[in-house]
Every structure is written in C-alpha cells, then in structure tokens.
Amino acid sequence: MKNLIIEEVSPQQIKAFARFTEPRIFQTASDIVYPGQIPIVGYLILEGEILLIKNKKIIERVTAGNVFGVVELMNNKPIKYTARIAPNSKVYILDRSTIKEIIQEVEGSYLPQTFRIIYA
C-alpha cells in the first residue's frame, strides 16, 4: 500500500486509548471509506478486519491490533481504495479531536509511530 499507512499497535498502546473512546461494533459489513475520499475518522481495530478493495479485488486485510486512516485523516490525504469493515468487527473510532487529545495526553512511548509523526 504505497499511499496508505497502516501500523500495528501494542496491547499497552491499545490500553492507553481506552480512556479516550468507547469501542463500536459493526454488526454488518459497511463501506467506511470510498476511493478518493479523505477519511473523516481513523480506526483502531480491536476485533475483526477492514478489507481494502480496488477494482472489486481485495488488496489487503487490515486486522486486529492495527491503526488505519489516521495519517490520511490528519493530513487530508485521500485514500485510493474502498475500505469495507467486516461484520462483527470491533473498533475504536478516532476523530481529529480525539487524536489530538491522545497526542497531548499519552506518554510518547505509548503513542503509535503514526501518531508521533503527525505533527513532526
């Protein structure tokens, strides 16, 4: 994925995020980002997966323990793929204000690398 930053996060990092947002469970498959769209939120996948699709083919599977869409959201970068969340996936939804709050309040070692480079 040349234009998309996906990062695996540690269990300690996931735990640090818990005080900023509540998990959401998607009961059905849903397209959450369309090609050319700048994401309106990022996702930290707790359970399940997000499928990245181009030309009706799965290009990549973003699985539990990964952050998706944060850098693109914060830098207003469009995504070139359809992102479809799988049924029964559990995620933290990270909007701009939540991401800024996490960056300000979480100790640096508990921040994923993608969060550290957003404002570098």
N, C-alpha and C. Protein backbone atom coordinates (compact mmCIF):
# COMPACT_ATOMS: atom_id res chain seq x y z
N MET A 1 0.84 -1.17 0.00
CA MET A 1 0.00 0.00 0.00
C MET A 1 0.89 1.24 0.00
N LYS A 2 1.18 1.74 -1.14
CA LYS A 2 2.10 2.85 -1.27
C LYS A 2 1.58 4.14 -0.65
N ASN A 3 0.28 4.36 -0.71
CA ASN A 3 -0.23 5.64 -0.22
C ASN A 3 -0.98 5.53 1.10
N LEU A 4 -0.95 4.38 1.72
CA LEU A 4 -1.76 4.16 2.91
C LEU A 4 -0.88 3.70 4.06
N ILE A 5 -1.00 4.35 5.20
CA ILE A 5 -0.19 3.98 6.35
C ILE A 5 -1.04 3.17 7.33
N ILE A 6 -0.61 1.94 7.53
CA ILE A 6 -1.25 1.02 8.47
C ILE A 6 -0.19 0.65 9.48
N GLU A 7 -0.50 0.74 10.75
CA GLU A 7 0.50 0.44 11.77
C GLU A 7 -0.06 -0.51 12.82
N GLU A 8 0.75 -1.49 13.16
CA GLU A 8 0.40 -2.39 14.25
C GLU A 8 0.69 -1.69 15.57
N VAL A 9 -0.22 -1.83 16.52
CA VAL A 9 -0.03 -1.22 17.83
C VAL A 9 0.04 -2.30 18.90
N SER A 10 0.71 -1.98 19.98
CA SER A 10 0.91 -2.95 21.06
C SER A 10 -0.32 -3.00 21.97
N PRO A 11 -0.46 -4.07 22.74
CA PRO A 11 -1.57 -4.12 23.70
C PRO A 11 -1.53 -2.95 24.70
N GLN A 12 -0.32 -2.50 25.08
CA GLN A 12 -0.21 -1.35 26.00
C GLN A 12 -0.72 -0.08 25.35
N GLN A 13 -0.44 0.09 24.07
CA GLN A 13 -0.94 1.26 23.35
C GLN A 13 -2.46 1.22 23.24
N ILE A 14 -3.00 0.05 22.94
CA ILE A 14 -4.46 -0.10 22.86
C ILE A 14 -5.09 0.25 24.20
N LYS A 15 -4.49 -0.22 25.28
CA LYS A 15 -5.00 0.07 26.62
C LYS A 15 -4.98 1.57 26.92
N ALA A 16 -3.95 2.27 26.45
CA ALA A 16 -3.85 3.71 26.67
C ALA A 16 -4.97 4.46 25.95
N PHE A 17 -5.45 3.93 24.83
CA PHE A 17 -6.51 4.59 24.07
C PHE A 17 -7.88 4.44 24.72
N ALA A 18 -8.04 3.45 25.57
CA ALA A 18 -9.35 3.11 26.13
C ALA A 18 -9.98 4.26 26.91
N ARG A 19 -9.20 5.15 27.46
CA ARG A 19 -9.79 6.25 28.24
C ARG A 19 -10.28 7.40 27.38
N PHE A 20 -10.03 7.34 26.07
CA PHE A 20 -10.42 8.42 25.17
C PHE A 20 -11.65 8.12 24.32
N THR A 21 -12.01 6.86 24.20
CA THR A 21 -13.12 6.49 23.31
C THR A 21 -13.69 5.14 23.72
N GLU A 22 -14.90 4.89 23.29
CA GLU A 22 -15.56 3.61 23.55
C GLU A 22 -15.53 2.76 22.28
N PRO A 23 -15.41 1.45 22.42
CA PRO A 23 -15.43 0.62 21.21
C PRO A 23 -16.81 0.61 20.55
N ARG A 24 -16.79 0.43 19.25
CA ARG A 24 -18.03 0.31 18.48
C ARG A 24 -17.98 -1.01 17.71
N ILE A 25 -19.08 -1.70 17.66
CA ILE A 25 -19.17 -2.96 16.93
C ILE A 25 -20.04 -2.74 15.70
N PHE A 26 -19.51 -3.08 14.53
CA PHE A 26 -20.25 -3.01 13.28
C PHE A 26 -20.93 -4.36 13.07
N GLN A 27 -22.25 -4.39 13.13
CA GLN A 27 -23.00 -5.63 13.01
C GLN A 27 -22.97 -6.20 11.59
N THR A 28 -22.91 -5.33 10.60
CA THR A 28 -22.92 -5.76 9.20
C THR A 28 -21.71 -5.17 8.47
N ALA A 29 -21.38 -5.75 7.34
CA ALA A 29 -20.31 -5.19 6.51
C ALA A 29 -20.73 -3.81 6.04
N SER A 30 -19.81 -2.86 6.10
CA SER A 30 -20.11 -1.48 5.70
C SER A 30 -18.90 -0.87 5.02
N ASP A 31 -19.14 -0.14 3.94
CA ASP A 31 -18.07 0.63 3.32
C ASP A 31 -17.88 1.89 4.16
N ILE A 32 -16.68 2.06 4.69
CA ILE A 32 -16.42 3.19 5.58
C ILE A 32 -15.59 4.29 4.92
N VAL A 33 -14.92 3.97 3.81
CA VAL A 33 -14.18 4.95 3.02
C VAL A 33 -14.29 4.53 1.56
N TYR A 34 -14.47 5.52 0.70
CA TYR A 34 -14.57 5.27 -0.74
C TYR A 34 -13.33 5.81 -1.44
N PRO A 35 -12.98 5.29 -2.62
CA PRO A 35 -11.81 5.80 -3.35
C PRO A 35 -11.90 7.31 -3.58
N GLY A 36 -10.80 7.98 -3.28
CA GLY A 36 -10.74 9.43 -3.46
C GLY A 36 -11.23 10.22 -2.27
N GLN A 37 -11.78 9.56 -1.28
CA GLN A 37 -12.31 10.24 -0.10
C GLN A 37 -11.22 10.43 0.94
N ILE A 38 -11.23 11.59 1.57
CA ILE A 38 -10.39 11.81 2.75
C ILE A 38 -11.18 11.25 3.93
N PRO A 39 -10.60 10.34 4.69
CA PRO A 39 -11.37 9.76 5.79
C PRO A 39 -11.81 10.83 6.79
N ILE A 40 -12.97 10.64 7.38
CA ILE A 40 -13.45 11.57 8.40
C ILE A 40 -13.09 11.10 9.81
N VAL A 41 -12.65 9.86 9.92
CA VAL A 41 -12.15 9.29 11.17
C VAL A 41 -11.10 8.24 10.83
N GLY A 42 -10.28 7.91 11.83
CA GLY A 42 -9.37 6.78 11.73
C GLY A 42 -9.93 5.65 12.58
N TYR A 43 -9.34 4.49 12.46
CA TYR A 43 -9.83 3.31 13.16
C TYR A 43 -8.69 2.55 13.82
N LEU A 44 -8.91 2.11 15.04
CA LEU A 44 -8.04 1.15 15.70
C LEU A 44 -8.87 -0.12 15.81
N ILE A 45 -8.45 -1.16 15.13
CA ILE A 45 -9.24 -2.40 15.05
C ILE A 45 -8.93 -3.26 16.27
N LEU A 46 -9.96 -3.56 17.04
CA LEU A 46 -9.82 -4.40 18.22
C LEU A 46 -10.13 -5.87 17.90
N GLU A 47 -11.14 -6.09 17.08
CA GLU A 47 -11.53 -7.44 16.64
C GLU A 47 -12.05 -7.31 15.22
N GLY A 48 -11.85 -8.35 14.41
CA GLY A 48 -12.34 -8.34 13.04
C GLY A 48 -11.32 -7.77 12.09
N GLU A 49 -11.80 -7.16 10.99
CA GLU A 49 -10.88 -6.65 9.99
C GLU A 49 -11.56 -5.62 9.09
N ILE A 50 -10.71 -4.86 8.41
CA ILE A 50 -11.13 -3.94 7.37
C ILE A 50 -10.48 -4.43 6.08
N LEU A 51 -11.30 -4.60 5.05
CA LEU A 51 -10.80 -5.04 3.75
C LEU A 51 -10.57 -3.82 2.87
N LEU A 52 -9.41 -3.75 2.24
CA LEU A 52 -9.12 -2.69 1.28
C LEU A 52 -9.34 -3.27 -0.10
N ILE A 53 -10.22 -2.64 -0.88
CA ILE A 53 -10.68 -3.19 -2.14
C ILE A 53 -10.42 -2.19 -3.27
N LYS A 54 -9.92 -2.72 -4.38
CA LYS A 54 -9.74 -1.91 -5.59
C LYS A 54 -10.15 -2.77 -6.77
N ASN A 55 -10.99 -2.22 -7.63
CA ASN A 55 -11.49 -2.95 -8.79
C ASN A 55 -12.12 -4.29 -8.41
N LYS A 56 -12.88 -4.27 -7.33
CA LYS A 56 -13.61 -5.43 -6.83
C LYS A 56 -12.71 -6.56 -6.33
N LYS A 57 -11.43 -6.26 -6.10
CA LYS A 57 -10.49 -7.27 -5.57
C LYS A 57 -9.96 -6.81 -4.23
N ILE A 58 -9.83 -7.75 -3.31
CA ILE A 58 -9.25 -7.43 -2.00
C ILE A 58 -7.75 -7.26 -2.18
N ILE A 59 -7.27 -6.07 -1.85
CA ILE A 59 -5.85 -5.73 -1.98
C ILE A 59 -5.11 -6.05 -0.69
N GLU A 60 -5.78 -5.78 0.44
CA GLU A 60 -5.15 -6.02 1.74
C GLU A 60 -6.23 -6.18 2.81
N ARG A 61 -5.87 -6.92 3.85
CA ARG A 61 -6.71 -7.08 5.04
C ARG A 61 -6.02 -6.38 6.20
N VAL A 62 -6.71 -5.44 6.81
CA VAL A 62 -6.19 -4.75 7.97
C VAL A 62 -6.84 -5.42 9.18
N THR A 63 -6.03 -6.06 10.00
CA THR A 63 -6.56 -6.92 11.06
C THR A 63 -6.46 -6.28 12.44
N ALA A 64 -6.96 -7.00 13.42
CA ALA A 64 -6.97 -6.53 14.80
C ALA A 64 -5.57 -6.13 15.25
N GLY A 65 -5.53 -5.04 16.01
CA GLY A 65 -4.26 -4.54 16.52
C GLY A 65 -3.59 -3.54 15.59
N ASN A 66 -4.31 -3.08 14.56
CA ASN A 66 -3.75 -2.12 13.61
C ASN A 66 -4.55 -0.83 13.60
N VAL A 67 -3.83 0.28 13.36
CA VAL A 67 -4.44 1.59 13.19
C VAL A 67 -4.52 1.85 11.68
N PHE A 68 -5.65 2.39 11.25
CA PHE A 68 -5.91 2.63 9.83
C PHE A 68 -6.53 4.01 9.64
N GLY A 69 -6.02 4.79 8.69
CA GLY A 69 -6.65 6.03 8.28
C GLY A 69 -6.29 7.27 9.08
N VAL A 70 -5.47 7.13 10.11
CA VAL A 70 -5.16 8.26 10.99
C VAL A 70 -4.32 9.31 10.27
N VAL A 71 -3.25 8.88 9.63
CA VAL A 71 -2.36 9.84 8.95
C VAL A 71 -3.10 10.52 7.81
N GLU A 72 -3.89 9.75 7.08
CA GLU A 72 -4.65 10.31 5.96
C GLU A 72 -5.66 11.34 6.45
N LEU A 73 -6.34 11.04 7.56
CA LEU A 73 -7.29 11.97 8.16
C LEU A 73 -6.60 13.27 8.58
N MET A 74 -5.52 13.14 9.32
CA MET A 74 -4.87 14.32 9.88
C MET A 74 -4.12 15.16 8.84
N ASN A 75 -3.77 14.54 7.71
CA ASN A 75 -3.05 15.26 6.65
C ASN A 75 -3.91 15.51 5.42
N ASN A 76 -5.23 15.27 5.54
CA ASN A 76 -6.17 15.48 4.44
C ASN A 76 -5.75 14.78 3.15
N LYS A 77 -5.34 13.53 3.28
CA LYS A 77 -4.92 12.74 2.12
C LYS A 77 -6.03 11.77 1.72
N PRO A 78 -6.44 11.79 0.47
CA PRO A 78 -7.47 10.84 0.04
C PRO A 78 -6.92 9.41 -0.01
N ILE A 79 -7.80 8.47 0.19
CA ILE A 79 -7.46 7.05 0.11
C ILE A 79 -7.90 6.54 -1.26
N LYS A 80 -7.09 5.68 -1.86
CA LYS A 80 -7.35 5.21 -3.22
C LYS A 80 -8.20 3.95 -3.26
N TYR A 81 -8.63 3.46 -2.12
CA TYR A 81 -9.32 2.17 -2.06
C TYR A 81 -10.68 2.31 -1.38
N THR A 82 -11.52 1.33 -1.59
CA THR A 82 -12.71 1.19 -0.77
C THR A 82 -12.27 0.46 0.49
N ALA A 83 -12.65 0.96 1.64
CA ALA A 83 -12.37 0.29 2.90
C ALA A 83 -13.70 -0.25 3.42
N ARG A 84 -13.78 -1.56 3.54
CA ARG A 84 -15.02 -2.22 3.98
C ARG A 84 -14.75 -2.95 5.29
N ILE A 85 -15.50 -2.56 6.31
CA ILE A 85 -15.34 -3.22 7.59
C ILE A 85 -16.17 -4.49 7.61
N ALA A 86 -15.58 -5.56 8.12
CA ALA A 86 -16.24 -6.86 8.15
C ALA A 86 -17.30 -6.89 9.25
N PRO A 87 -18.32 -7.74 9.10
CA PRO A 87 -19.35 -7.86 10.13
C PRO A 87 -18.74 -8.27 11.48
N ASN A 88 -19.33 -7.76 12.53
CA ASN A 88 -18.93 -8.04 13.92
C ASN A 88 -17.54 -7.55 14.26
N SER A 89 -17.02 -6.60 13.50
CA SER A 89 -15.73 -6.01 13.83
C SER A 89 -15.92 -4.98 14.94
N LYS A 90 -14.96 -4.95 15.84
CA LYS A 90 -14.99 -4.04 16.99
C LYS A 90 -13.81 -3.07 16.83
N VAL A 91 -14.10 -1.77 16.87
CA VAL A 91 -13.07 -0.76 16.62
C VAL A 91 -13.21 0.41 17.59
N TYR A 92 -12.11 1.12 17.76
CA TYR A 92 -12.14 2.46 18.33
C TYR A 92 -12.20 3.40 17.13
N ILE A 93 -13.14 4.31 17.15
CA ILE A 93 -13.24 5.32 16.10
C ILE A 93 -12.53 6.57 16.61
N LEU A 94 -11.58 7.06 15.80
CA LEU A 94 -10.71 8.15 16.21
C LEU A 94 -10.92 9.37 15.33
N ASP A 95 -11.64 10.36 15.86
CA ASP A 95 -11.83 11.60 15.10
C ASP A 95 -10.65 12.53 15.38
N ARG A 96 -10.62 13.67 14.69
CA ARG A 96 -9.49 14.61 14.83
C ARG A 96 -9.27 15.05 16.27
N SER A 97 -10.34 15.43 16.95
CA SER A 97 -10.17 15.94 18.32
C SER A 97 -9.68 14.84 19.25
N THR A 98 -10.13 13.62 19.07
CA THR A 98 -9.67 12.50 19.90
C THR A 98 -8.20 12.23 19.63
N ILE A 99 -7.80 12.26 18.37
CA ILE A 99 -6.39 12.03 18.02
C ILE A 99 -5.51 13.11 18.65
N LYS A 100 -5.93 14.37 18.56
CA LYS A 100 -5.16 15.47 19.17
C LYS A 100 -5.07 15.30 20.68
N GLU A 101 -6.17 14.90 21.30
CA GLU A 101 -6.18 14.68 22.75
C GLU A 101 -5.23 13.54 23.13
N ILE A 102 -5.24 12.47 22.37
CA ILE A 102 -4.33 11.34 22.62
C ILE A 102 -2.88 11.80 22.51
N ILE A 103 -2.57 12.55 21.46
CA ILE A 103 -1.20 13.02 21.25
C ILE A 103 -0.74 13.89 22.43
N GLN A 104 -1.63 14.74 22.94
CA GLN A 104 -1.28 15.64 24.03
C GLN A 104 -1.15 14.93 25.37
N GLU A 105 -1.96 13.90 25.60
CA GLU A 105 -2.04 13.32 26.94
C GLU A 105 -1.36 11.98 27.14
N VAL A 106 -1.08 11.27 26.08
CA VAL A 106 -0.47 9.95 26.23
C VAL A 106 1.05 10.09 26.15
N GLU A 107 1.72 9.43 27.06
CA GLU A 107 3.18 9.44 27.08
C GLU A 107 3.72 8.93 25.75
N GLY A 108 4.76 9.57 25.26
CA GLY A 108 5.33 9.28 23.94
C GLY A 108 5.54 7.81 23.63
N SER A 109 6.03 7.03 24.59
CA SER A 109 6.31 5.61 24.33
C SER A 109 5.03 4.81 24.11
N TYR A 110 3.91 5.35 24.54
CA TYR A 110 2.63 4.65 24.35
C TYR A 110 1.90 5.12 23.09
N LEU A 111 2.50 6.07 22.37
CA LEU A 111 1.90 6.53 21.11
C LEU A 111 2.41 5.67 19.96
N PRO A 112 1.52 5.24 19.08
CA PRO A 112 2.00 4.57 17.86
C PRO A 112 2.85 5.55 17.05
N GLN A 113 3.78 5.02 16.27
CA GLN A 113 4.67 5.85 15.45
C GLN A 113 3.88 6.81 14.56
N THR A 114 2.76 6.34 14.00
CA THR A 114 1.98 7.22 13.12
C THR A 114 1.49 8.46 13.86
N PHE A 115 1.18 8.35 15.12
CA PHE A 115 0.75 9.49 15.91
C PHE A 115 1.90 10.43 16.16
N ARG A 116 3.10 9.89 16.37
CA ARG A 116 4.27 10.73 16.63
C ARG A 116 4.68 11.53 15.42
N ILE A 117 4.42 11.02 14.21
CA ILE A 117 4.86 11.74 13.02
C ILE A 117 3.82 12.73 12.48
N ILE A 118 2.61 12.68 13.01
CA ILE A 118 1.55 13.56 12.50
C ILE A 118 1.95 15.03 12.60
N TYR A 119 2.50 15.40 13.74
CA TYR A 119 2.86 16.82 13.94
C TYR A 119 4.36 17.04 13.97
N ALA A 120 5.13 16.09 13.48
CA ALA A 120 6.60 16.23 13.50
C ALA A 120 7.06 17.33 12.56
